[in-house]
N, C-alpha and C. Protein backbone atom coordinates (compact mmCIF):
# COMPACT_ATOMS: atom_id res chain seq x y z
N MET A 1 0.81 -1.21 0.00
CA MET A 1 -0.02 0.02 0.01
C MET A 1 0.85 1.26 -0.02
N MET A 2 1.92 1.30 0.77
CA MET A 2 2.78 2.46 0.89
C MET A 2 3.52 2.70 -0.42
N ASN A 3 3.88 1.63 -1.17
CA ASN A 3 4.54 1.82 -2.44
C ASN A 3 3.71 2.59 -3.43
N VAL A 4 2.42 2.33 -3.45
CA VAL A 4 1.51 2.98 -4.34
C VAL A 4 1.44 4.51 -4.00
N ILE A 5 1.30 4.77 -2.68
CA ILE A 5 1.23 6.16 -2.23
C ILE A 5 2.52 6.88 -2.52
N GLU A 6 3.66 6.22 -2.29
CA GLU A 6 4.94 6.86 -2.60
C GLU A 6 5.08 7.13 -4.09
N SER A 7 4.61 6.24 -4.93
CA SER A 7 4.66 6.43 -6.37
C SER A 7 3.84 7.62 -6.81
N VAL A 8 2.64 7.74 -6.26
CA VAL A 8 1.76 8.86 -6.56
C VAL A 8 2.40 10.20 -6.14
N LEU A 9 2.97 10.20 -4.93
CA LEU A 9 3.57 11.43 -4.44
C LEU A 9 4.79 11.83 -5.28
N ILE A 10 5.59 10.82 -5.66
CA ILE A 10 6.73 11.11 -6.52
C ILE A 10 6.28 11.67 -7.88
N ALA A 11 5.22 11.06 -8.45
CA ALA A 11 4.69 11.53 -9.75
C ALA A 11 4.20 12.96 -9.68
N LEU A 12 3.61 13.32 -8.53
CA LEU A 12 3.08 14.68 -8.38
C LEU A 12 4.14 15.67 -7.94
N GLY A 13 5.35 15.16 -7.62
CA GLY A 13 6.40 16.06 -7.16
C GLY A 13 6.19 16.51 -5.75
N LEU A 14 5.43 15.77 -4.97
CA LEU A 14 5.15 16.14 -3.59
C LEU A 14 5.90 15.30 -2.55
N PHE A 15 6.80 14.48 -3.01
CA PHE A 15 7.45 13.56 -2.12
C PHE A 15 8.77 14.16 -1.60
N PRO A 16 8.78 14.65 -0.38
CA PRO A 16 9.94 15.34 0.14
C PRO A 16 11.08 14.38 0.54
N GLY A 17 10.84 13.12 0.53
CA GLY A 17 11.91 12.19 0.88
C GLY A 17 11.39 11.03 1.71
N ILE A 18 12.34 10.36 2.29
CA ILE A 18 12.00 9.15 3.09
C ILE A 18 11.30 9.57 4.39
N GLU A 19 11.51 10.77 4.81
CA GLU A 19 10.92 11.19 6.11
C GLU A 19 9.39 11.08 6.12
N LEU A 20 8.75 11.50 5.05
CA LEU A 20 7.27 11.40 4.99
C LEU A 20 6.83 9.94 5.02
N ALA A 21 7.51 9.10 4.25
CA ALA A 21 7.16 7.67 4.24
C ALA A 21 7.30 7.05 5.63
N ASP A 22 8.39 7.43 6.31
CA ASP A 22 8.62 6.91 7.66
C ASP A 22 7.50 7.39 8.62
N SER A 23 7.16 8.64 8.50
CA SER A 23 6.12 9.20 9.36
C SER A 23 4.77 8.55 9.04
N MET A 24 4.49 8.34 7.77
CA MET A 24 3.23 7.76 7.39
C MET A 24 3.13 6.28 7.85
N ALA A 25 4.30 5.60 7.85
CA ALA A 25 4.33 4.20 8.29
C ALA A 25 4.06 4.14 9.79
N LYS A 26 4.39 5.16 10.55
CA LYS A 26 4.17 5.16 11.99
C LYS A 26 2.81 5.68 12.39
N SER A 27 2.22 6.52 11.54
CA SER A 27 0.98 7.22 11.92
C SER A 27 -0.15 6.91 10.94
N LYS A 28 -1.16 6.24 11.43
CA LYS A 28 -2.33 5.94 10.56
C LYS A 28 -3.08 7.22 10.23
N THR A 29 -3.11 8.16 11.18
CA THR A 29 -3.82 9.43 10.99
C THR A 29 -3.19 10.24 9.84
N LEU A 30 -1.84 10.30 9.82
CA LEU A 30 -1.12 11.03 8.79
C LEU A 30 -1.40 10.32 7.42
N THR A 31 -1.39 9.02 7.39
CA THR A 31 -1.64 8.31 6.13
C THR A 31 -3.02 8.63 5.59
N ILE A 32 -4.00 8.61 6.51
CA ILE A 32 -5.40 8.91 6.09
C ILE A 32 -5.48 10.32 5.59
N MET A 33 -4.82 11.29 6.32
CA MET A 33 -4.89 12.69 5.90
C MET A 33 -4.25 12.90 4.53
N VAL A 34 -3.13 12.19 4.23
CA VAL A 34 -2.46 12.34 2.93
C VAL A 34 -3.38 11.75 1.86
N ILE A 35 -3.99 10.61 2.09
CA ILE A 35 -4.84 10.00 1.09
C ILE A 35 -6.06 10.85 0.84
N VAL A 36 -6.68 11.34 1.90
CA VAL A 36 -7.87 12.23 1.72
C VAL A 36 -7.48 13.50 1.01
N GLY A 37 -6.35 14.08 1.33
CA GLY A 37 -5.87 15.28 0.64
C GLY A 37 -5.65 15.07 -0.83
N LEU A 38 -5.05 13.94 -1.17
CA LEU A 38 -4.80 13.63 -2.58
C LEU A 38 -6.12 13.42 -3.34
N VAL A 39 -7.09 12.74 -2.71
CA VAL A 39 -8.36 12.51 -3.33
C VAL A 39 -9.14 13.83 -3.55
N LEU A 40 -9.11 14.69 -2.52
CA LEU A 40 -9.76 15.98 -2.64
C LEU A 40 -9.08 16.84 -3.71
N PHE A 41 -7.77 16.85 -3.74
CA PHE A 41 -7.00 17.62 -4.74
C PHE A 41 -7.33 17.11 -6.14
N GLY A 42 -7.32 15.80 -6.30
CA GLY A 42 -7.66 15.18 -7.57
C GLY A 42 -9.09 15.55 -8.01
N GLY A 43 -10.02 15.49 -7.08
CA GLY A 43 -11.40 15.83 -7.37
C GLY A 43 -11.51 17.31 -7.80
N PHE A 44 -10.80 18.19 -7.14
CA PHE A 44 -10.80 19.59 -7.47
C PHE A 44 -10.23 19.84 -8.86
N VAL A 45 -9.18 19.14 -9.23
CA VAL A 45 -8.58 19.25 -10.56
C VAL A 45 -9.60 18.78 -11.60
N LEU A 46 -10.26 17.66 -11.34
CA LEU A 46 -11.26 17.16 -12.28
C LEU A 46 -12.40 18.13 -12.42
N PHE A 47 -12.83 18.74 -11.32
CA PHE A 47 -13.87 19.76 -11.32
C PHE A 47 -13.46 20.93 -12.19
N LEU A 48 -12.25 21.34 -12.05
CA LEU A 48 -11.74 22.50 -12.87
C LEU A 48 -11.76 22.14 -14.35
N PHE A 49 -11.30 20.92 -14.68
CA PHE A 49 -11.33 20.52 -16.10
C PHE A 49 -12.79 20.44 -16.59
N HIS A 50 -13.68 19.96 -15.78
CA HIS A 50 -15.10 19.89 -16.13
C HIS A 50 -15.65 21.27 -16.41
N MET A 51 -15.37 22.21 -15.54
CA MET A 51 -15.87 23.58 -15.69
C MET A 51 -15.23 24.26 -16.91
N ALA A 52 -13.95 24.02 -17.13
CA ALA A 52 -13.28 24.59 -18.28
C ALA A 52 -13.85 24.04 -19.58
N GLY A 53 -14.31 22.82 -19.57
CA GLY A 53 -14.90 22.23 -20.77
C GLY A 53 -16.23 22.85 -21.13
N LYS A 54 -16.89 23.46 -20.17
CA LYS A 54 -18.19 24.04 -20.41
C LYS A 54 -18.09 25.44 -21.06
N GLN A 55 -16.89 26.00 -21.12
CA GLN A 55 -16.69 27.34 -21.66
C GLN A 55 -16.75 27.31 -23.16
């Protein structure tokens, strides 16, 4: 599971290093917050593309 999250963060340029992965491995709350944040950010980007397509 962590490899997928790390890959997404690296692809988005949001991966500051091993420190985040270590912190996420120790904290379920941080892992959930990062996943929710990525989902919300992705949804917002899709919403913007949708709205731009209506112009």
